Every structure is written in structure tokens, then in C-alpha cells.
């Protein structure tokens, strides 16, 4: 028998072995299932992060909006007068309000700098992390 005929004989399928065994198919399915579960879990995690980011952005926009409203309506002057009434108090001029499903608070307090006070607006969406914006203003 020549070498060429041995090679071609070894490449021919033996009758009854023309496909995959049951075990090979099950292993392939198990690997594919593992990959699919990993992809779905990763996608779910990233969707949660996206929704949390969306809430944080919404809260930041709300905090900025509330601060601009308070500046426009001179509500900060009220905080200044509250601070003057409570000399020696660590925190003065605080206010808490709930609006559009967000808990909003504003606090006015002295700072480590003379003649400057810190105004902090904090917005907390339901079930999300609070967002705080701080500004410094001259007394």
C-alpha cells in the first residue's frame, strides 16, 4: 500500500461517524450558554449604571435650577439673615423641600475663609445617590 492511499483512507469517514457525538454537542451548548449568560449579565449591569447616571444628571440639573431660582428670588438673603440670627451655629439657613420626586435641601454656613460663606444645594432622587453643589459667596 502506498503512502498516498494510506492518507486518503485515513481522511475518509468510517461509516457511522459522520457527525458530532452527543457529548460534543452538549459541551458546545454548555459553552454557548455560559457566554450568553455572561453577556446578558454584563448588559444588565451597564443598563443599571446608565439609569443611575441618568438620575444623577437629572438631580444635578435640578440642583442647578434650584440654585439659580434662589439667586433670582433673593432667597439667599434669607439664608444670610438666618445665619446672622444663629451666630455661633455651625450650620444655618437650611431648608428641605420635595419636588418632582426629588428631595432638595439647601444649607448656608460659614466657611474657613473670612467674609465668605458656603451655600450647598443637595438633591436626592428616590433610591439614588445624592448630588451636592456648593458655591461660595461673599457675605
Protein backbone atom coordinates (compact mmCIF):
# COMPACT_ATOMS: atom_id res chain seq x y z
CA UNK A 1 0.00 0.00 0.00
CA UNK A 2 1.40 3.37 -0.95
CA UNK A 3 1.67 6.36 1.35
CA UNK A 4 -0.85 8.25 -0.75
CA UNK A 5 -3.55 5.59 -0.39
CA UNK A 6 -2.99 5.44 3.39
CA UNK A 7 -3.53 9.19 3.70
CA UNK A 8 -6.71 9.19 1.64
CA UNK A 9 -8.01 6.17 3.53
CA UNK A 10 -7.47 7.92 6.86
CA UNK A 11 -9.37 11.01 5.63
CA UNK A 12 -12.44 9.06 4.59
CA UNK A 13 -15.12 8.90 7.25
CA UNK A 14 -15.79 5.50 8.66
CA UNK A 15 -19.43 4.59 8.34
CA UNK A 16 -21.44 5.75 11.35
CA UNK A 17 -19.03 8.53 12.33
CA UNK A 18 -20.33 11.28 10.04
CA UNK A 19 -21.33 13.78 12.80
CA UNK A 20 -20.74 15.02 16.30
CA UNK A 21 -21.30 12.84 19.31
CA UNK A 22 -23.95 13.72 21.85
CA UNK A 23 -21.25 14.64 24.38
CA UNK A 24 -19.59 17.07 21.95
CA UNK A 25 -22.92 18.79 21.27
CA UNK A 26 -23.67 19.09 25.00
CA UNK A 27 -20.22 20.59 25.72
CA UNK A 28 -20.69 23.12 22.89
CA UNK A 29 -24.14 24.08 24.21
CA UNK A 30 -22.78 24.49 27.74
CA UNK A 31 -20.03 26.79 26.50
CA UNK A 32 -22.50 28.84 24.45
CA UNK A 33 -24.87 29.09 27.42
CA UNK A 34 -22.03 30.38 29.61
CA UNK A 35 -21.13 33.05 27.04
CA UNK A 36 -24.77 34.15 26.63
CA UNK A 37 -25.34 34.37 30.40
CA UNK A 38 -22.15 36.45 30.77
CA UNK A 39 -23.21 38.85 28.01
CA UNK A 40 -26.73 39.28 29.41
CA UNK A 41 -25.42 39.88 32.94
CA UNK A 42 -22.94 42.45 31.67
CA UNK A 43 -25.62 44.20 29.64
CA UNK A 44 -27.94 44.31 32.67
CA UNK A 45 -25.19 45.78 34.85
CA UNK A 46 -24.43 48.50 32.30
CA UNK A 47 -28.12 49.35 31.96
CA UNK A 48 -28.31 49.83 35.74
CA UNK A 49 -25.26 52.13 35.61
CA UNK A 50 -26.86 54.10 32.80
CA UNK A 51 -30.10 54.56 34.73
CA UNK A 52 -28.17 55.66 37.85
CA UNK A 53 -26.23 58.15 35.74
CA UNK A 54 -29.46 59.45 34.26
CA UNK A 55 -30.85 60.06 37.77
CA UNK A 56 -27.62 61.78 38.85
CA UNK A 57 -27.73 64.05 35.80
CA UNK A 58 -31.38 64.84 36.48
CA UNK A 59 -30.55 65.64 40.11
CA UNK A 60 -27.62 67.85 39.07
CA UNK A 61 -29.80 69.79 36.66
CA UNK A 62 -32.45 70.18 39.36
CA UNK A 63 -29.84 71.38 41.89
CA UNK A 64 -28.52 73.97 39.45
CA UNK A 65 -32.04 75.06 38.59
CA UNK A 66 -33.00 75.45 42.25
CA UNK A 67 -29.83 77.40 43.00
CA UNK A 68 -30.46 79.76 40.08
CA UNK A 69 -34.06 80.21 41.23
CA UNK A 70 -32.90 81.00 44.74
CA UNK A 71 -30.42 83.57 43.44
CA UNK A 72 -33.07 85.13 41.21
CA UNK A 73 -35.60 85.44 44.03
CA UNK A 74 -33.03 86.53 46.62
CA UNK A 75 -33.70 83.52 48.84
CA UNK A 76 -30.04 83.59 49.72
CA UNK A 77 -30.64 86.83 51.59
CA UNK A 78 -32.99 84.87 53.83
CA UNK A 79 -30.21 82.38 54.49
CA UNK A 80 -27.86 85.27 55.35
CA UNK A 81 -30.34 86.69 57.83
CA UNK A 82 -30.84 83.23 59.37
CA UNK A 83 -27.08 82.91 59.70
CA UNK A 84 -26.88 86.29 61.45
CA UNK A 85 -29.64 85.22 63.86
CA UNK A 86 -27.81 81.99 64.71
CA UNK A 87 -24.28 83.27 65.29
CA UNK A 88 -22.03 80.56 66.57
CA UNK A 89 -24.17 77.85 64.99
CA UNK A 90 -22.25 75.50 62.76
CA UNK A 91 -24.97 75.42 60.09
CA UNK A 92 -27.62 77.99 59.39
CA UNK A 93 -30.16 78.78 56.72
CA UNK A 94 -31.14 75.27 55.84
CA UNK A 95 -34.29 74.31 54.01
CA UNK A 96 -35.72 70.97 52.87
CA UNK A 97 -38.32 70.52 50.17
CA UNK A 98 -39.64 67.71 47.98
CA UNK A 99 -40.36 68.46 44.35
CA UNK A 100 -40.80 66.29 41.24
CA UNK A 101 -39.86 63.13 43.15
CA UNK A 102 -36.61 64.68 44.36
CA UNK A 103 -35.73 65.67 47.90
CA UNK A 104 -34.00 69.04 47.80
CA UNK A 105 -32.18 70.81 50.60
CA UNK A 106 -30.13 73.97 50.80
CA UNK A 107 -27.78 74.91 53.59
CA UNK A 108 -25.90 78.10 54.16
CA UNK A 109 -22.94 78.01 56.52
CA UNK A 110 -19.80 79.90 57.26
CA UNK A 111 -16.59 78.80 55.61
CA UNK A 112 -12.97 78.67 56.62
CA UNK A 113 -12.43 81.99 54.84
CA UNK A 114 -13.30 85.34 56.43
CA UNK A 115 -16.17 87.15 54.70
CA UNK A 116 -17.15 84.11 52.62
CA UNK A 117 -19.94 81.68 53.24
CA UNK A 118 -20.71 78.35 51.63
CA UNK A 119 -24.13 77.57 50.14
CA UNK A 120 -24.73 73.88 49.41
CA UNK A 121 -27.69 72.60 47.40
CA UNK A 122 -28.30 68.86 47.72
CA UNK A 123 -30.74 66.90 45.57
CA UNK A 124 -31.56 63.28 46.38
CA UNK A 125 -33.52 61.23 43.83
CA UNK A 126 -35.58 58.37 45.26
CA UNK A 127 -33.31 55.35 45.63
CA UNK A 128 -30.24 57.08 44.18
CA UNK A 129 -27.10 58.78 45.41
CA UNK A 130 -27.40 62.43 46.49
CA UNK A 131 -25.86 65.16 44.35
CA UNK A 132 -24.47 68.25 46.08
CA UNK A 133 -23.48 71.55 44.51
CA UNK A 134 -21.57 74.05 46.61
CA UNK A 135 -20.94 77.69 45.90
CA UNK A 136 -19.03 80.30 47.84
CA UNK A 137 -20.37 83.81 48.17
CA UNK A 138 -19.21 86.98 49.82
CA UNK A 139 -21.07 87.99 52.96
